[in-house]
Amino acid sequence: MTTPPGTVELRELVMPAHANHHGTLFAGQGLLWMAGAAFLAARGLAQREVVMAGVTGVDFLSPIPVGSQLVLRAWVSRVGRSSMTVCVTGLADQPGVPAEEVFKGVYEMVAVDAAGRPTCIDRSCLDKETT
């Protein structure tokens, strides 16, 4: 099955090295995984390099114990001239326990050229560039 451009699903196993002193996922590690998923979704849609311009919100909904499998789902929800909004959710799954949403975030990503300047990703302006 092919994943549509602008969507990605990643899986991570929460190991002790990813945990805080409570034995649950360290928030910084969760942010790292979420940012990576947002990056991959945006780059897949833009077919260009992208950078993060901002995070408009992240919510950690419940603790994620060591041994949990995390499924991170990211999708582009808005496309502008050079920017994209990417939504990311995380579902925790443990044997014998129903999967539950444990975090979510919204990321603003920007397509950039080789010099690091914003570049067009919108189909209408790409068509204008080639004519």
C-alpha atoms as a PDB file:
ATOM      1  CA  MET A   1       0.000   0.000   0.000  1.00  0.00           C
ATOM      2  CA  THR A   2       1.390   3.396  -1.017  1.00  0.00           C
ATOM      3  CA  THR A   3       1.292   6.278   1.443  1.00  0.00           C
ATOM      4  CA  PRO A   4      -0.020   9.496  -0.136  1.00  0.00           C
ATOM      5  CA  PRO A   5       2.465  12.393  -0.381  1.00  0.00           C
ATOM      6  CA  GLY A   6       2.308  14.523   2.738  1.00  0.00           C
ATOM      7  CA  THR A   7       1.545  11.646   5.101  1.00  0.00           C
ATOM      8  CA  VAL A   8       3.866   9.459   7.101  1.00  0.00           C
ATOM      9  CA  GLU A   9       3.590   6.805   9.788  1.00  0.00           C
ATOM     10  CA  LEU A  10       6.553   5.925  11.986  1.00  0.00           C
ATOM     11  CA  ARG A  11       6.914   3.423  14.793  1.00  0.00           C
ATOM     12  CA  GLU A  12       9.176   3.767  17.803  1.00  0.00           C
ATOM     13  CA  LEU A  13       9.706   1.578  20.854  1.00  0.00           C
ATOM     14  CA  VAL A  14      10.055   3.472  24.126  1.00  0.00           C
ATOM     15  CA  MET A  15      13.240   2.112  25.686  1.00  0.00           C
ATOM     16  CA  PRO A  16      14.728   2.958  29.101  1.00  0.00           C
ATOM     17  CA  ALA A  17      17.169   5.356  27.404  1.00  0.00           C
ATOM     18  CA  HIS A  18      14.139   7.388  26.207  1.00  0.00           C
ATOM     19  CA  ALA A  19      12.604   7.615  29.687  1.00  0.00           C
ATOM     20  CA  ASN A  20      12.603  10.216  32.413  1.00  0.00           C
ATOM     21  CA  HIS A  21      13.026   9.510  36.129  1.00  0.00           C
ATOM     22  CA  HIS A  22       9.374   8.362  36.299  1.00  0.00           C
ATOM     23  CA  GLY A  23       9.941   5.519  33.825  1.00  0.00           C
ATOM     24  CA  THR A  24       7.865   7.201  31.127  1.00  0.00           C
ATOM     25  CA  LEU A  25       8.825   8.831  27.835  1.00  0.00           C
ATOM     26  CA  PHE A  26      10.945  11.955  28.330  1.00  0.00           C
ATOM     27  CA  ALA A  27       9.030  14.826  26.699  1.00  0.00           C
ATOM     28  CA  GLY A  28      12.120  16.012  24.814  1.00  0.00           C
ATOM     29  CA  GLN A  29      12.403  12.626  23.123  1.00  0.00           C
ATOM     30  CA  GLY A  30       8.721  12.785  22.176  1.00  0.00           C
ATOM     31  CA  LEU A  31       9.258  16.241  20.682  1.00  0.00           C
ATOM     32  CA  LEU A  32      12.228  14.940  18.696  1.00  0.00           C
ATOM     33  CA  TRP A  33      10.173  12.088  17.226  1.00  0.00           C
ATOM     34  CA  MET A  34       7.240  14.404  16.467  1.00  0.00           C
ATOM     35  CA  ALA A  35       9.488  16.946  14.724  1.00  0.00           C
ATOM     36  CA  GLY A  36      11.025  14.161  12.635  1.00  0.00           C
ATOM     37  CA  ALA A  37       7.609  12.924  11.553  1.00  0.00           C
ATOM     38  CA  ALA A  38       6.526  16.482  10.646  1.00  0.00           C
ATOM     39  CA  PHE A  39       9.724  16.961   8.633  1.00  0.00           C
ATOM     40  CA  LEU A  40       9.233  13.735   6.669  1.00  0.00           C
ATOM     41  CA  ALA A  41       5.569  14.495   5.887  1.00  0.00           C
ATOM     42  CA  ALA A  42       6.374  18.043   4.708  1.00  0.00           C
ATOM     43  CA  ARG A  43       9.392  17.029   2.633  1.00  0.00           C
ATOM     44  CA  GLY A  44       7.392  14.201   1.057  1.00  0.00           C
ATOM     45  CA  LEU A  45       4.683  16.599  -0.078  1.00  0.00           C
ATOM     46  CA  ALA A  46       6.953  19.478  -1.118  1.00  0.00           C
ATOM     47  CA  GLN A  47       9.531  17.293  -2.850  1.00  0.00           C
ATOM     48  CA  ARG A  48      12.029  19.879  -1.600  1.00  0.00           C
ATOM     49  CA  GLU A  49      14.065  20.416   1.526  1.00  0.00           C
ATOM     50  CA  VAL A  50      12.091  21.863   4.426  1.00  0.00           C
ATOM     51  CA  VAL A  51      12.780  23.536   7.743  1.00  0.00           C
ATOM     52  CA  MET A  52      10.650  24.020  10.811  1.00  0.00           C
ATOM     53  CA  ALA A  53       9.336  27.555  11.218  1.00  0.00           C
ATOM     54  CA  GLY A  54       7.333  27.006  14.362  1.00  0.00           C
ATOM     55  CA  VAL A  55       5.243  24.840  16.587  1.00  0.00           C
ATOM     56  CA  THR A  56       1.777  26.166  17.234  1.00  0.00           C
ATOM     57  CA  GLY A  57       0.959  23.651  19.914  1.00  0.00           C
ATOM     58  CA  VAL A  58       1.946  20.355  21.487  1.00  0.00           C
ATOM     59  CA  ASP A  59      -0.130  18.452  24.016  1.00  0.00           C
ATOM     60  CA  PHE A  60       1.037  15.449  26.013  1.00  0.00           C
ATOM     61  CA  LEU A  61      -2.218  13.719  26.918  1.00  0.00           C
ATOM     62  CA  SER A  62      -0.975  10.879  29.126  1.00  0.00           C
ATOM     63  CA  PRO A  63       2.294   9.283  30.302  1.00  0.00           C
ATOM     64  CA  ILE A  64       3.903   6.753  27.970  1.00  0.00           C
ATOM     65  CA  PRO A  65       5.561   3.884  29.850  1.00  0.00           C
ATOM     66  CA  VAL A  66       8.798   2.208  28.839  1.00  0.00           C
ATOM     67  CA  GLY A  67       7.958  -0.760  26.609  1.00  0.00           C
ATOM     68  CA  SER A  68       5.193   1.066  24.747  1.00  0.00           C
ATOM     69  CA  GLN A  69       5.171   1.047  20.988  1.00  0.00           C
ATOM     70  CA  LEU A  70       4.457   4.498  19.622  1.00  0.00           C
ATOM     71  CA  VAL A  71       2.802   5.010  16.279  1.00  0.00           C
ATOM     72  CA  LEU A  72       3.421   8.539  15.043  1.00  0.00           C
ATOM     73  CA  ARG A  73       1.133   9.738  12.268  1.00  0.00           C
ATOM     74  CA  ALA A  74       1.838  12.998  10.456  1.00  0.00           C
ATOM     75  CA  TRP A  75      -0.062  14.638   7.635  1.00  0.00           C
ATOM     76  CA  VAL A  76       0.038  17.966   5.841  1.00  0.00           C
ATOM     77  CA  SER A  77      -3.220  19.758   6.581  1.00  0.00           C
ATOM     78  CA  ARG A  78      -2.519  23.068   4.795  1.00  0.00           C
ATOM     79  CA  VAL A  79      -0.319  24.087   1.883  1.00  0.00           C
ATOM     80  CA  GLY A  80       0.594  27.701   1.191  1.00  0.00           C
ATOM     81  CA  ARG A  81       3.010  29.218  -1.310  1.00  0.00           C
ATOM     82  CA  SER A  82       6.089  27.927   0.541  1.00  0.00           C
ATOM     83  CA  SER A  83       4.712  26.842   3.905  1.00  0.00           C
ATOM     84  CA  MET A  84       2.784  23.874   5.195  1.00  0.00           C
ATOM     85  CA  THR A  85       0.963  23.013   8.393  1.00  0.00           C
ATOM     86  CA  VAL A  86       1.652  19.485   9.574  1.00  0.00           C
ATOM     87  CA  CYS A  87      -0.421  17.708  12.228  1.00  0.00           C
ATOM     88  CA  VAL A  88       1.219  14.929  14.239  1.00  0.00           C
ATOM     89  CA  THR A  89      -0.411  12.463  16.603  1.00  0.00           C
ATOM     90  CA  GLY A  90       1.086   9.708  18.697  1.00  0.00           C
ATOM     91  CA  LEU A  91      -0.693   6.522  19.689  1.00  0.00           C
ATOM     92  CA  ALA A  92       0.736   4.302  22.420  1.00  0.00           C
ATOM     93  CA  ASP A  93       0.233   0.569  22.155  1.00  0.00           C
ATOM     94  CA  GLN A  94       1.091  -2.053  24.760  1.00  0.00           C
ATOM     95  CA  PRO A  95       0.286  -5.763  24.651  1.00  0.00           C
ATOM     96  CA  GLY A  96      -3.202  -6.355  26.001  1.00  0.00           C
ATOM     97  CA  VAL A  97      -4.012  -2.629  26.259  1.00  0.00           C
ATOM     98  CA  PRO A  98      -6.037  -0.755  23.627  1.00  0.00           C
ATOM     99  CA  ALA A  99      -4.055   1.900  21.735  1.00  0.00           C
ATOM    100  CA  GLU A 100      -4.658   5.444  22.936  1.00  0.00           C
ATOM    101  CA  GLU A 101      -3.712   8.878  21.679  1.00  0.00           C
ATOM    102  CA  VAL A 102      -0.953  10.143  23.968  1.00  0.00           C
ATOM    103  CA  PHE A 103       0.276  13.305  22.272  1.00  0.00           C
ATOM    104  CA  LYS A 104      -0.466  15.644  19.396  1.00  0.00           C
ATOM    105  CA  GLY A 105       1.119  18.696  17.850  1.00  0.00           C
ATOM    106  CA  VAL A 106       0.877  21.172  15.001  1.00  0.00           C
ATOM    107  CA  TYR A 107       4.026  22.200  13.147  1.00  0.00           C
ATOM    108  CA  GLU A 108       4.668  24.932  10.589  1.00  0.00           C
ATOM    109  CA  MET A 109       7.177  23.860   7.954  1.00  0.00           C
ATOM    110  CA  VAL A 110       8.691  25.880   5.087  1.00  0.00           C
ATOM    111  CA  ALA A 111      10.185  24.600   1.828  1.00  0.00           C
ATOM    112  CA  VAL A 112      13.624  26.103   1.191  1.00  0.00           C
ATOM    113  CA  ASP A 113      16.038  26.342  -1.714  1.00  0.00           C
ATOM    114  CA  ALA A 114      19.764  25.500  -1.618  1.00  0.00           C
ATOM    115  CA  ALA A 115      20.509  28.887  -0.015  1.00  0.00           C
ATOM    116  CA  GLY A 116      17.963  28.289   2.745  1.00  0.00           C
ATOM    117  CA  ARG A 117      15.430  30.825   1.414  1.00  0.00           C
ATOM    118  CA  PRO A 118      11.706  29.992   1.217  1.00  0.00           C
ATOM    119  CA  THR A 119      10.780  28.508  -2.143  1.00  0.00           C
ATOM    120  CA  CYS A 120       7.480  27.886  -3.880  1.00  0.00           C
ATOM    121  CA  ILE A 121       5.686  24.556  -3.437  1.00  0.00           C
ATOM    122  CA  ASP A 122       2.188  25.575  -4.537  1.00  0.00           C
ATOM    123  CA  ARG A 123       1.332  24.057  -7.935  1.00  0.00           C
ATOM    124  CA  SER A 124       0.018  27.366  -9.323  1.00  0.00           C
ATOM    125  CA  CYS A 125       3.257  29.271  -8.699  1.00  0.00           C
ATOM    126  CA  LEU A 126       5.364  26.323  -9.868  1.00  0.00           C
ATOM    127  CA  ASP A 127       3.488  26.416 -13.176  1.00  0.00           C
ATOM    128  CA  LYS A 128       4.234  30.152 -13.490  1.00  0.00           C
ATOM    129  CA  GLU A 129       7.948  29.538 -12.866  1.00  0.00           C
ATOM    130  CA  THR A 130       8.170  27.102 -15.797  1.00  0.00           C
ATOM    131  CA  THR A 131       6.355  29.319 -18.325  1.00  0.00           C
END
